[in-house]
Amino acid sequence: MKEVDFYILSKDDIGSTMMFVCKLSEKAYKMKKSISILTPNHDFSEKLSELLWGFKKESFLPNTIKISKKKECSNSISVTHNEDFLDNSDVLINLSDQDMDNCQSANRLIEIIPNNEELKKRARKKYKEYKESNYDVRSHNIK
């Protein structure tokens, strides 16, 4: 059964969201999982990519920004703003507004929800849809 995790953040700023994505990515990367990150736009992808490369002084998270369907380096994190360019991966982190009705490209889907009432409202709708589609859905409040 596919898993969907909703992470509800205590803050509503891009910096906090990006740092949380880096932490999740690092955890999955250390577990040797393939990771795709779907962002809202190209600028966001570039900023996130830069942050992943310099995430910690003592380490980095290798990544590529996908701008085509061409297969990239297999041992890196794939960042894209175009759903059509998503790789088949173990973990898909969705930072976009796109509904991931068809998340066959990943065994585990992660939805990041900043502390914003409109975004929480959309997340509740997605949560219900995933449940109705028989996904194993969990929610986590992040302080």
N, C-alpha and C. Protein backbone atom coordinates (compact mmCIF):
# COMPACT_ATOMS: atom_id res chain seq x y z
N MET A 1 0.84 -1.18 0.00
CA MET A 1 0.00 0.00 0.00
C MET A 1 0.89 1.25 0.00
N LYS A 2 0.53 2.20 -0.82
CA LYS A 2 1.28 3.45 -0.88
C LYS A 2 1.01 4.29 0.35
N GLU A 3 2.04 5.02 0.77
CA GLU A 3 1.94 5.84 1.98
C GLU A 3 1.94 7.31 1.62
N VAL A 4 1.12 8.07 2.34
CA VAL A 4 1.10 9.53 2.20
C VAL A 4 1.26 10.12 3.59
N ASP A 5 2.25 10.99 3.73
CA ASP A 5 2.48 11.68 4.99
C ASP A 5 2.28 13.17 4.79
N PHE A 6 1.44 13.76 5.64
CA PHE A 6 1.24 15.20 5.67
C PHE A 6 2.06 15.75 6.84
N TYR A 7 2.94 16.69 6.55
CA TYR A 7 3.72 17.36 7.58
C TYR A 7 3.20 18.79 7.68
N ILE A 8 2.56 19.10 8.81
CA ILE A 8 2.00 20.43 9.02
C ILE A 8 3.01 21.22 9.85
N LEU A 9 3.56 22.25 9.21
CA LEU A 9 4.60 23.04 9.84
C LEU A 9 4.02 24.09 10.77
N SER A 10 4.79 24.52 11.75
CA SER A 10 4.32 25.54 12.69
C SER A 10 4.53 26.95 12.14
N LYS A 11 5.30 27.07 11.04
CA LYS A 11 5.58 28.38 10.45
C LYS A 11 5.04 28.43 9.03
N ASP A 12 4.89 29.65 8.54
CA ASP A 12 4.38 29.87 7.19
C ASP A 12 5.36 30.71 6.39
N ASP A 13 6.61 30.28 6.31
CA ASP A 13 7.57 31.01 5.50
C ASP A 13 8.37 30.02 4.64
N ILE A 14 8.82 30.52 3.51
CA ILE A 14 9.51 29.66 2.54
C ILE A 14 10.80 29.08 3.13
N GLY A 15 11.52 29.89 3.91
CA GLY A 15 12.78 29.41 4.49
C GLY A 15 12.58 28.20 5.38
N SER A 16 11.58 28.24 6.24
CA SER A 16 11.29 27.10 7.12
C SER A 16 10.87 25.88 6.33
N THR A 17 10.07 26.09 5.30
CA THR A 17 9.63 24.99 4.45
C THR A 17 10.83 24.34 3.77
N MET A 18 11.70 25.16 3.20
CA MET A 18 12.86 24.62 2.50
C MET A 18 13.80 23.87 3.45
N MET A 19 14.01 24.40 4.64
CA MET A 19 14.88 23.71 5.60
C MET A 19 14.28 22.36 6.00
N PHE A 20 12.97 22.31 6.17
CA PHE A 20 12.33 21.04 6.52
C PHE A 20 12.47 20.04 5.38
N VAL A 21 12.33 20.51 4.15
CA VAL A 21 12.51 19.63 2.99
C VAL A 21 13.94 19.09 2.96
N CYS A 22 14.91 19.93 3.28
CA CYS A 22 16.31 19.48 3.32
C CYS A 22 16.49 18.38 4.37
N LYS A 23 15.90 18.56 5.54
CA LYS A 23 16.01 17.55 6.60
C LYS A 23 15.38 16.22 6.17
N LEU A 24 14.19 16.29 5.58
CA LEU A 24 13.53 15.07 5.09
C LEU A 24 14.36 14.41 3.99
N SER A 25 14.87 15.23 3.09
CA SER A 25 15.68 14.71 1.98
C SER A 25 16.95 14.04 2.49
N GLU A 26 17.58 14.66 3.47
CA GLU A 26 18.80 14.07 4.04
C GLU A 26 18.50 12.71 4.66
N LYS A 27 17.42 12.63 5.39
CA LYS A 27 17.04 11.36 6.02
C LYS A 27 16.81 10.27 4.97
N ALA A 28 16.04 10.59 3.94
CA ALA A 28 15.76 9.61 2.88
C ALA A 28 17.03 9.27 2.10
N TYR A 29 17.86 10.26 1.83
CA TYR A 29 19.10 10.04 1.08
C TYR A 29 20.03 9.09 1.85
N LYS A 30 20.14 9.30 3.17
CA LYS A 30 20.98 8.42 4.00
C LYS A 30 20.43 6.99 4.03
N MET A 31 19.13 6.85 3.81
CA MET A 31 18.52 5.52 3.76
C MET A 31 18.61 4.93 2.35
N LYS A 32 19.33 5.65 1.45
CA LYS A 32 19.55 5.22 0.07
C LYS A 32 18.25 5.13 -0.73
N LYS A 33 17.32 6.02 -0.43
CA LYS A 33 16.06 6.12 -1.16
C LYS A 33 16.23 7.11 -2.31
N SER A 34 15.57 6.85 -3.43
CA SER A 34 15.55 7.83 -4.50
C SER A 34 14.47 8.87 -4.16
N ILE A 35 14.76 10.13 -4.48
CA ILE A 35 13.91 11.23 -4.04
C ILE A 35 13.61 12.16 -5.21
N SER A 36 12.35 12.49 -5.38
CA SER A 36 11.93 13.53 -6.32
C SER A 36 11.20 14.60 -5.52
N ILE A 37 11.46 15.85 -5.88
CA ILE A 37 10.80 16.97 -5.21
C ILE A 37 10.10 17.80 -6.28
N LEU A 38 8.79 17.96 -6.13
CA LEU A 38 8.00 18.76 -7.06
C LEU A 38 7.77 20.13 -6.43
N THR A 39 8.26 21.18 -7.08
CA THR A 39 8.16 22.54 -6.56
C THR A 39 7.12 23.35 -7.34
N PRO A 40 6.77 24.53 -6.82
CA PRO A 40 5.76 25.34 -7.51
C PRO A 40 6.25 26.00 -8.80
N ASN A 41 7.57 26.29 -8.89
CA ASN A 41 8.08 27.00 -10.07
C ASN A 41 9.60 26.85 -10.17
N HIS A 42 10.15 27.31 -11.28
CA HIS A 42 11.59 27.15 -11.53
C HIS A 42 12.45 27.91 -10.51
N ASP A 43 12.06 29.12 -10.15
CA ASP A 43 12.83 29.89 -9.16
C ASP A 43 12.92 29.15 -7.83
N PHE A 44 11.80 28.56 -7.40
CA PHE A 44 11.78 27.79 -6.16
C PHE A 44 12.73 26.60 -6.29
N SER A 45 12.68 25.93 -7.45
CA SER A 45 13.57 24.78 -7.69
C SER A 45 15.04 25.19 -7.56
N GLU A 46 15.39 26.32 -8.15
CA GLU A 46 16.78 26.79 -8.09
C GLU A 46 17.21 27.10 -6.66
N LYS A 47 16.36 27.79 -5.91
CA LYS A 47 16.70 28.13 -4.53
C LYS A 47 16.83 26.88 -3.67
N LEU A 48 15.91 25.93 -3.85
CA LEU A 48 15.96 24.69 -3.09
C LEU A 48 17.20 23.88 -3.45
N SER A 49 17.52 23.81 -4.73
CA SER A 49 18.70 23.09 -5.17
C SER A 49 19.96 23.66 -4.53
N GLU A 50 20.08 24.97 -4.52
CA GLU A 50 21.23 25.62 -3.90
C GLU A 50 21.31 25.30 -2.41
N LEU A 51 20.17 25.33 -1.75
CA LEU A 51 20.13 25.02 -0.32
C LEU A 51 20.52 23.57 -0.05
N LEU A 52 20.05 22.65 -0.88
CA LEU A 52 20.41 21.24 -0.72
C LEU A 52 21.93 21.04 -0.87
N TRP A 53 22.52 21.72 -1.85
CA TRP A 53 23.97 21.58 -2.07
C TRP A 53 24.76 22.09 -0.88
N GLY A 54 24.29 23.11 -0.19
CA GLY A 54 25.02 23.67 0.94
C GLY A 54 24.32 23.48 2.27
N PHE A 55 23.51 22.44 2.37
CA PHE A 55 22.65 22.23 3.54
C PHE A 55 23.41 22.24 4.86
N LYS A 56 24.52 21.55 4.93
CA LYS A 56 25.34 21.51 6.14
C LYS A 56 26.79 21.79 5.76
N LYS A 57 27.53 22.35 6.69
CA LYS A 57 28.94 22.65 6.43
C LYS A 57 29.72 21.38 6.10
N GLU A 58 29.40 20.31 6.80
CA GLU A 58 30.18 19.07 6.67
C GLU A 58 29.66 18.14 5.58
N SER A 59 28.53 18.45 4.96
CA SER A 59 28.00 17.57 3.93
C SER A 59 27.10 18.35 2.97
N PHE A 60 26.69 17.69 1.92
CA PHE A 60 25.77 18.28 0.94
C PHE A 60 24.83 17.19 0.46
N LEU A 61 23.77 17.61 -0.17
CA LEU A 61 22.80 16.68 -0.75
C LEU A 61 22.82 16.86 -2.26
N PRO A 62 23.44 15.92 -2.99
CA PRO A 62 23.55 16.07 -4.45
C PRO A 62 22.18 16.07 -5.09
N ASN A 63 22.00 16.99 -6.02
CA ASN A 63 20.70 17.09 -6.68
C ASN A 63 20.85 17.66 -8.07
N THR A 64 19.83 17.43 -8.87
CA THR A 64 19.76 18.01 -10.20
C THR A 64 18.38 18.63 -10.38
N ILE A 65 18.34 19.71 -11.13
CA ILE A 65 17.06 20.32 -11.48
C ILE A 65 16.65 19.73 -12.82
N LYS A 66 15.52 19.05 -12.83
CA LYS A 66 15.02 18.40 -14.04
C LYS A 66 14.26 19.42 -14.89
N ILE A 67 14.74 19.58 -16.13
CA ILE A 67 14.05 20.46 -17.06
C ILE A 67 13.64 19.70 -18.32
N SER A 68 13.82 18.39 -18.27
CA SER A 68 13.39 17.54 -19.39
C SER A 68 13.13 16.13 -18.85
N LYS A 69 12.70 15.24 -19.73
CA LYS A 69 12.44 13.86 -19.33
C LYS A 69 13.71 13.02 -19.32
N LYS A 70 14.83 13.61 -19.74
CA LYS A 70 16.11 12.90 -19.79
C LYS A 70 16.49 12.38 -18.40
N LYS A 71 16.96 11.15 -18.34
CA LYS A 71 17.36 10.53 -17.08
C LYS A 71 18.61 11.21 -16.56
N GLU A 72 18.57 11.63 -15.32
CA GLU A 72 19.71 12.30 -14.69
C GLU A 72 20.51 11.30 -13.86
N CYS A 73 21.47 11.81 -13.16
CA CYS A 73 22.33 11.00 -12.29
C CYS A 73 21.45 10.24 -11.28
N SER A 74 21.65 8.95 -11.19
CA SER A 74 20.76 8.11 -10.38
C SER A 74 20.97 8.26 -8.88
N ASN A 75 22.12 8.78 -8.46
CA ASN A 75 22.37 8.87 -7.02
C ASN A 75 22.16 10.30 -6.51
N SER A 76 21.29 11.04 -7.17
CA SER A 76 21.03 12.39 -6.71
C SER A 76 19.54 12.61 -6.51
N ILE A 77 19.24 13.70 -5.86
CA ILE A 77 17.86 14.10 -5.63
C ILE A 77 17.39 14.87 -6.87
N SER A 78 16.22 14.56 -7.34
CA SER A 78 15.67 15.22 -8.52
C SER A 78 14.70 16.31 -8.08
N VAL A 79 14.94 17.55 -8.55
CA VAL A 79 14.08 18.69 -8.22
C VAL A 79 13.48 19.19 -9.52
N THR A 80 12.16 19.34 -9.55
CA THR A 80 11.51 19.87 -10.76
C THR A 80 10.23 20.61 -10.39
N HIS A 81 9.81 21.49 -11.28
CA HIS A 81 8.52 22.17 -11.10
C HIS A 81 7.51 21.66 -12.11
N ASN A 82 7.91 20.67 -12.92
CA ASN A 82 7.03 20.13 -13.95
C ASN A 82 6.72 18.66 -13.64
N GLU A 83 5.46 18.39 -13.35
CA GLU A 83 5.03 17.04 -12.99
C GLU A 83 5.40 16.00 -14.05
N ASP A 84 5.45 16.43 -15.31
CA ASP A 84 5.79 15.52 -16.40
C ASP A 84 7.23 15.02 -16.33
N PHE A 85 8.09 15.72 -15.60
CA PHE A 85 9.50 15.36 -15.53
C PHE A 85 9.85 14.57 -14.27
N LEU A 86 8.85 14.18 -13.49
CA LEU A 86 9.12 13.42 -12.27
C LEU A 86 9.71 12.05 -12.62
N ASP A 87 10.73 11.67 -11.87
CA ASP A 87 11.32 10.34 -12.02
C ASP A 87 10.49 9.36 -11.21
N ASN A 88 10.60 8.08 -11.54
CA ASN A 88 10.08 7.06 -10.65
C ASN A 88 11.02 7.04 -9.46
N SER A 89 10.48 7.27 -8.30
CA SER A 89 11.32 7.37 -7.11
C SER A 89 10.66 6.69 -5.93
N ASP A 90 11.46 6.47 -4.90
CA ASP A 90 10.93 5.88 -3.67
C ASP A 90 10.09 6.90 -2.92
N VAL A 91 10.56 8.16 -2.93
CA VAL A 91 9.92 9.23 -2.16
C VAL A 91 9.65 10.41 -3.08
N LEU A 92 8.42 10.92 -3.03
CA LEU A 92 8.06 12.13 -3.76
C LEU A 92 7.62 13.17 -2.75
N ILE A 93 8.33 14.30 -2.72
CA ILE A 93 7.97 15.41 -1.84
C ILE A 93 7.24 16.44 -2.69
N ASN A 94 5.97 16.68 -2.37
CA ASN A 94 5.15 17.60 -3.15
C ASN A 94 5.08 18.96 -2.45
N LEU A 95 5.69 19.96 -3.07
CA LEU A 95 5.63 21.33 -2.57
C LEU A 95 4.73 22.20 -3.45
N SER A 96 4.16 21.59 -4.46
CA SER A 96 3.33 22.34 -5.41
C SER A 96 1.87 22.30 -4.98
N ASP A 97 1.06 23.05 -5.71
CA ASP A 97 -0.39 23.03 -5.48
C ASP A 97 -1.05 21.89 -6.22
N GLN A 98 -0.27 21.17 -7.02
CA GLN A 98 -0.84 20.11 -7.84
C GLN A 98 -1.33 18.95 -6.98
N ASP A 99 -2.50 18.45 -7.33
CA ASP A 99 -3.01 17.24 -6.69
C ASP A 99 -2.23 16.06 -7.26
N MET A 100 -1.81 15.20 -6.42
CA MET A 100 -1.04 14.04 -6.85
C MET A 100 -1.96 12.82 -6.91
N ASP A 101 -3.08 12.98 -7.62
CA ASP A 101 -4.05 11.88 -7.75
C ASP A 101 -3.35 10.62 -8.23
N ASN A 102 -2.43 10.82 -9.11
CA ASN A 102 -1.77 9.72 -9.79
C ASN A 102 -0.32 9.66 -9.33
N CYS A 103 -0.09 9.21 -8.11
CA CYS A 103 1.28 9.22 -7.57
C CYS A 103 1.94 7.85 -7.73
N GLN A 104 1.73 7.23 -8.88
CA GLN A 104 2.32 5.93 -9.12
C GLN A 104 3.84 6.02 -9.22
N SER A 105 4.38 7.22 -9.33
CA SER A 105 5.83 7.35 -9.49
C SER A 105 6.58 7.18 -8.17
N ALA A 106 5.90 7.02 -7.06
CA ALA A 106 6.59 6.89 -5.77
C ALA A 106 5.81 5.98 -4.84
N ASN A 107 6.55 5.28 -3.98
CA ASN A 107 5.91 4.45 -2.96
C ASN A 107 5.45 5.29 -1.77
N ARG A 108 6.14 6.42 -1.56
CA ARG A 108 5.80 7.28 -0.44
C ARG A 108 5.68 8.71 -0.94
N LEU A 109 4.56 9.32 -0.65
CA LEU A 109 4.31 10.70 -1.03
C LEU A 109 4.31 11.54 0.24
N ILE A 110 4.99 12.67 0.17
CA ILE A 110 5.05 13.59 1.31
C ILE A 110 4.47 14.93 0.88
N GLU A 111 3.49 15.40 1.63
CA GLU A 111 2.87 16.70 1.41
C GLU A 111 3.33 17.62 2.55
N ILE A 112 3.92 18.76 2.19
CA ILE A 112 4.39 19.73 3.17
C ILE A 112 3.37 20.86 3.24
N ILE A 113 2.85 21.14 4.45
CA ILE A 113 1.80 22.13 4.61
C ILE A 113 2.28 23.23 5.57
N PRO A 114 2.60 24.43 5.05
CA PRO A 114 2.95 25.54 5.93
C PRO A 114 1.74 25.95 6.78
N ASN A 115 1.99 26.68 7.85
CA ASN A 115 0.95 27.11 8.78
C ASN A 115 0.16 28.27 8.16
N ASN A 116 -0.75 27.92 7.26
CA ASN A 116 -1.54 28.88 6.52
C ASN A 116 -2.93 28.27 6.36
N GLU A 117 -3.95 28.99 6.76
CA GLU A 117 -5.31 28.43 6.78
C GLU A 117 -5.79 27.97 5.40
N GLU A 118 -5.50 28.73 4.37
CA GLU A 118 -5.93 28.34 3.02
C GLU A 118 -5.23 27.04 2.60
N LEU A 119 -3.93 26.93 2.87
CA LEU A 119 -3.18 25.72 2.52
C LEU A 119 -3.64 24.53 3.35
N LYS A 120 -3.97 24.77 4.61
CA LYS A 120 -4.50 23.69 5.45
C LYS A 120 -5.85 23.20 4.94
N LYS A 121 -6.66 24.12 4.47
CA LYS A 121 -7.98 23.76 3.92
C LYS A 121 -7.79 22.84 2.71
N ARG A 122 -6.87 23.20 1.80
CA ARG A 122 -6.59 22.36 0.63
C ARG A 122 -6.03 21.01 1.05
N ALA A 123 -5.20 21.02 2.09
CA ALA A 123 -4.59 19.77 2.57
C ALA A 123 -5.66 18.83 3.13
N ARG A 124 -6.64 19.37 3.82
CA ARG A 124 -7.72 18.53 4.36
C ARG A 124 -8.48 17.82 3.22
N LYS A 125 -8.68 18.55 2.12
CA LYS A 125 -9.36 17.97 0.96
C LYS A 125 -8.49 16.85 0.37
N LYS A 126 -7.20 17.11 0.22
CA LYS A 126 -6.29 16.09 -0.31
C LYS A 126 -6.26 14.87 0.61
N TYR A 127 -6.19 15.12 1.91
CA TYR A 127 -6.15 14.04 2.90
C TYR A 127 -7.35 13.12 2.70
N LYS A 128 -8.53 13.72 2.59
CA LYS A 128 -9.75 12.95 2.41
C LYS A 128 -9.70 12.14 1.10
N GLU A 129 -9.22 12.77 0.03
CA GLU A 129 -9.14 12.08 -1.27
C GLU A 129 -8.16 10.89 -1.21
N TYR A 130 -7.04 11.07 -0.57
CA TYR A 130 -6.08 9.97 -0.44
C TYR A 130 -6.68 8.83 0.36
N LYS A 131 -7.37 9.16 1.45
CA LYS A 131 -8.02 8.14 2.28
C LYS A 131 -9.04 7.35 1.46
N GLU A 132 -9.83 8.07 0.69
CA GLU A 132 -10.86 7.42 -0.13
C GLU A 132 -10.24 6.55 -1.22
N SER A 133 -8.99 6.84 -1.58
CA SER A 133 -8.28 6.05 -2.59
C SER A 133 -7.49 4.90 -1.96
N ASN A 134 -7.74 4.66 -0.67
CA ASN A 134 -7.13 3.56 0.08
C ASN A 134 -5.61 3.67 0.26
N TYR A 135 -5.11 4.91 0.33
CA TYR A 135 -3.71 5.10 0.69
C TYR A 135 -3.59 5.04 2.20
N ASP A 136 -2.41 4.66 2.68
CA ASP A 136 -2.11 4.70 4.10
C ASP A 136 -1.69 6.14 4.41
N VAL A 137 -2.59 6.92 5.02
CA VAL A 137 -2.38 8.35 5.21
C VAL A 137 -2.12 8.66 6.68
N ARG A 138 -1.07 9.48 6.89
CA ARG A 138 -0.73 9.91 8.25
C ARG A 138 -0.51 11.43 8.26
N SER A 139 -0.68 12.01 9.43
CA SER A 139 -0.47 13.44 9.59
C SER A 139 0.49 13.68 10.76
N HIS A 140 1.39 14.64 10.58
CA HIS A 140 2.40 14.95 11.61
C HIS A 140 2.47 16.45 11.82
N ASN A 141 2.32 16.89 13.06
CA ASN A 141 2.48 18.31 13.38
C ASN A 141 3.94 18.56 13.74
N ILE A 142 4.58 19.49 13.06
CA ILE A 142 5.99 19.78 13.26
C ILE A 142 6.12 21.11 14.00
N LYS A 143 6.78 21.09 15.11
CA LYS A 143 6.97 22.30 15.93
C LYS A 143 8.18 23.06 15.48
